[in-house]
Protein backbone atom coordinates (compact mmCIF):
# COMPACT_ATOMS: atom_id res chain seq x y z
CA MET A 1 78.78 107.76 118.25
CA ALA A 2 81.44 110.41 117.93
CA HIS A 3 85.00 109.43 116.83
CA GLU A 4 87.39 109.74 119.72
CA LYS A 5 90.63 111.78 118.90
CA LEU A 6 93.37 109.88 120.09
CA THR A 7 96.38 111.54 119.26
CA ASN A 8 99.32 111.84 121.64
CA ILE A 9 98.07 108.96 124.00
CA SER A 10 100.63 106.83 125.78
CA ALA A 11 101.71 103.65 124.62
CA GLU A 12 99.95 101.83 127.57
CA GLU A 13 96.91 103.68 126.55
CA ALA A 14 97.22 102.42 122.88
CA LEU A 15 97.98 98.73 123.95
CA LEU A 16 95.05 98.64 126.14
CA LYS A 17 92.70 100.19 123.17
CA LEU A 18 94.18 97.68 121.04
CA GLN A 19 93.52 94.83 123.37
CA GLN A 20 90.13 96.26 124.05
CA GLY A 21 89.49 95.83 120.39
CA ASN A 22 90.91 92.60 119.80
CA GLU A 23 88.48 91.29 122.60
CA LYS A 24 85.63 92.59 120.54
CA TYR A 25 86.95 91.22 117.19
CA LEU A 26 87.29 87.58 118.91
CA ASN A 27 83.29 87.41 119.29
CA ALA A 28 82.39 89.63 115.86
CA SER A 29 80.66 87.66 113.08
CA ALA A 30 79.69 90.50 110.93
CA GLY A 31 81.39 93.50 109.45
CA SER A 32 81.91 94.92 106.04
CA GLY A 33 83.26 91.70 105.07
CA ASP A 34 83.38 88.05 106.64
CA ILE A 35 85.37 88.43 109.97
CA SER A 36 83.56 85.44 111.63
CA PRO A 37 84.85 83.10 113.87
CA GLU A 38 84.44 80.68 111.16
CA ILE A 39 86.31 82.32 108.57
CA ARG A 40 89.10 82.81 111.29
CA LYS A 41 89.27 78.89 111.86
CA ASP A 42 88.77 77.93 108.04
CA THR A 43 91.74 80.31 107.14
CA CYS A 44 93.85 79.13 109.95
CA GLU A 45 93.54 75.66 108.99
CA ASN A 46 93.04 75.92 105.32
CA GLY A 47 95.17 78.79 104.98
CA GLN A 48 94.70 82.13 102.95
CA HIS A 49 93.14 82.70 99.53
CA PRO A 50 93.13 86.43 98.89
CA TYR A 51 91.92 87.46 95.40
CA ALA A 52 93.90 90.77 95.43
CA ILE A 53 97.00 92.21 96.52
CA VAL A 54 96.60 95.80 97.57
CA VAL A 55 99.50 97.81 98.07
CA THR A 56 98.50 100.94 99.83
CA CYS A 57 99.70 103.82 102.19
CA SER A 58 100.24 103.38 106.27
CA ASP A 59 97.76 106.48 106.67
CA SER A 60 95.11 105.22 109.20
CA ARG A 61 92.21 106.66 107.36
CA VAL A 62 92.81 103.98 104.65
CA ILE A 63 91.36 100.71 105.21
CA PRO A 64 91.56 98.18 102.38
CA GLU A 65 89.23 95.71 104.11
CA SER A 66 86.41 98.34 104.80
CA ILE A 67 87.24 100.24 101.83
CA PHE A 68 86.23 97.09 99.31
CA SER A 69 83.88 95.47 101.75
CA ALA A 70 86.24 92.60 102.26
CA GLY A 71 86.81 90.00 104.66
CA ILE A 72 89.50 87.92 106.65
CA GLY A 73 91.42 85.95 103.74
CA GLU A 74 90.24 88.14 100.82
CA LEU A 75 92.97 90.69 100.25
CA PHE A 76 96.62 90.48 100.62
CA VAL A 77 97.29 93.97 101.84
CA ILE A 78 100.85 95.63 102.03
CA ARG A 79 101.38 99.22 103.65
CA VAL A 80 103.88 101.66 103.51
CA ALA A 81 103.84 105.45 103.79
CA GLY A 82 103.18 107.12 100.09
CA ASN A 83 102.26 103.44 98.67
CA VAL A 84 106.14 103.64 97.42
CA ILE A 85 107.58 100.11 96.01
CA GLY A 86 110.98 99.09 97.34
CA ASP A 87 112.46 95.64 97.54
CA HIS A 88 110.47 94.48 100.26
CA GLN A 89 107.00 95.69 98.79
CA LEU A 90 108.27 94.03 95.54
CA GLY A 91 108.86 90.47 97.50
CA SER A 92 105.71 90.72 99.08
CA VAL A 93 103.74 91.17 95.83
CA GLU A 94 105.86 88.21 94.19
CA TYR A 95 105.01 85.95 97.14
CA ALA A 96 101.23 86.75 97.01
CA ALA A 97 100.99 86.34 93.13
CA GLU A 98 103.55 83.37 92.82
CA HIS A 99 102.32 81.14 96.05
CA LEU A 100 98.52 82.59 96.74
CA GLY A 101 97.53 82.83 93.07
CA CYS A 102 96.74 86.56 93.03
CA ARG A 103 96.62 87.86 89.70
CA LEU A 104 95.34 91.33 90.33
CA ALA A 105 97.71 93.97 92.30
CA VAL A 106 95.98 97.41 93.05
CA ILE A 107 98.40 100.62 94.22
CA LEU A 108 95.94 102.36 96.16
CA GLY A 109 97.14 105.98 96.94
CA HIS A 110 94.74 108.18 98.56
CA THR A 111 93.89 112.12 98.18
CA HIS A 112 95.28 114.42 101.21
CA CYS A 113 98.46 111.96 101.50
CA GLY A 114 101.02 113.25 103.93
CA ALA A 115 104.13 111.44 102.20
CA VAL A 116 103.23 113.23 98.63
CA GLY A 117 102.31 116.78 100.33
CA ALA A 118 106.14 116.34 101.97
CA ALA A 119 107.52 115.65 98.79
CA ILE A 120 105.82 118.32 97.04
CA GLY A 121 106.80 120.68 99.74
CA GLY A 122 110.53 119.44 99.52
CA GLY A 123 110.91 116.63 101.33
CA ALA A 124 111.68 115.23 105.15
CA GLU A 125 114.58 114.29 107.41
CA GLY A 126 115.33 110.93 108.85
CA PHE A 127 114.53 107.80 107.54
CA ILE A 128 111.38 109.28 106.03
CA LYS A 129 113.32 111.16 103.51
CA SER A 130 114.03 107.90 101.53
CA ILE A 131 110.09 107.58 101.06
CA THR A 132 109.85 111.55 99.89
CA ASP A 133 112.70 111.02 97.78
CA ASP A 134 111.25 108.52 95.72
CA ILE A 135 107.98 110.16 95.45
CA LYS A 136 109.82 113.38 94.51
CA SER A 137 111.60 111.15 91.39
CA ALA A 138 108.12 110.08 90.63
CA ILE A 139 106.42 113.65 90.74
CA GLY A 140 109.13 115.87 89.66
CA GLU A 141 108.01 119.32 90.05
CA GLU A 142 104.35 118.77 90.10
CA LYS A 143 102.56 120.83 92.48
CA ASP A 144 98.94 119.74 92.49
CA ASP A 145 98.28 117.24 95.03
CA TYR A 146 95.96 114.98 92.99
CA ARG A 147 97.86 115.02 89.88
CA ALA A 148 101.24 114.17 92.05
CA CYS A 149 99.06 111.16 93.96
CA CYS A 150 98.63 109.94 90.43
CA LEU A 151 102.19 110.22 89.05
CA ASN A 152 103.23 108.47 92.30
CA LEU A 153 100.96 105.59 91.54
CA GLU A 154 101.90 105.64 87.83
CA ASN A 155 105.46 105.08 88.84
CA SER A 156 104.69 102.27 91.72
CA VAL A 157 102.48 100.32 88.68
CA LYS A 158 105.74 100.71 86.65
CA LYS A 159 108.23 99.12 89.12
CA ILE A 160 106.06 96.06 89.67
CA GLU A 161 105.64 95.69 85.89
CA SER A 162 109.36 96.02 85.39
CA SER A 163 110.75 94.16 88.03
CA LEU A 164 108.24 91.25 88.51
CA ASN A 165 107.64 88.60 85.82
CA ILE A 166 105.03 86.28 87.34
CA PRO A 167 104.16 82.90 85.89
CA GLY A 168 100.51 83.10 84.90
CA GLY A 169 100.47 87.00 84.61
CA LEU A 170 99.82 89.60 87.26
CA LYS A 171 97.63 92.63 86.33
CA THR A 172 98.76 95.68 88.12
CA VAL A 173 96.70 99.17 88.14
CA GLY A 174 96.69 102.27 90.18
CA ALA A 175 93.58 103.58 92.23
CA VAL A 176 92.84 106.75 94.04
CA TYR A 177 90.92 106.12 97.37
CA HIS A 178 89.24 109.90 97.95
CA ILE A 179 88.97 110.01 101.81
CA GLU A 180 86.58 112.86 101.20
CA ASP A 181 83.73 110.85 100.31
CA GLY A 182 84.92 107.28 100.24
CA HIS A 183 85.20 106.29 96.55
CA VAL A 184 87.68 104.87 94.51
CA GLU A 185 88.76 105.98 91.22
CA PHE A 186 90.52 103.26 89.10
CA LEU A 187 92.98 104.89 86.98
CA LYS A 188 93.36 103.77 83.49
């Protein structure tokens, strides 16, 4: 089945598509991870117990649950364009580590990132500028897309490590999702 191109559809069409997708989801029992009615009921009644935190880009091609074959309740996912780290992201990481017991945070960047590309190209206007400015400060004058992605990841990892002191510890690692072929490269 060919992938439908869904750019420039109306809000009503997008809402209908989401509702139809949710209808399918309500009766699904398999996917790359467990999304069954049973796991939905269990996590509703017994809460979430994710094994990892994933801070990733808002890019629609980056789907952590699919990428890591995870199901409901397995990943605590925080999404923001350019996978930048600010106070809201730090608060979310802190919550997942302190209250849900996560001990691993993965900052997941990706190849062909529009936010990184915009920072390389000189930035953006409006509210997006706060994101591209943050990335620009992390990458300096780097012009290589991949290397800029890695520098941005290193910056986000350092922000978490220098800002949070989690009782019991929290390991934070950077990783690059290669949208060309789907593999994840964990950075050393």
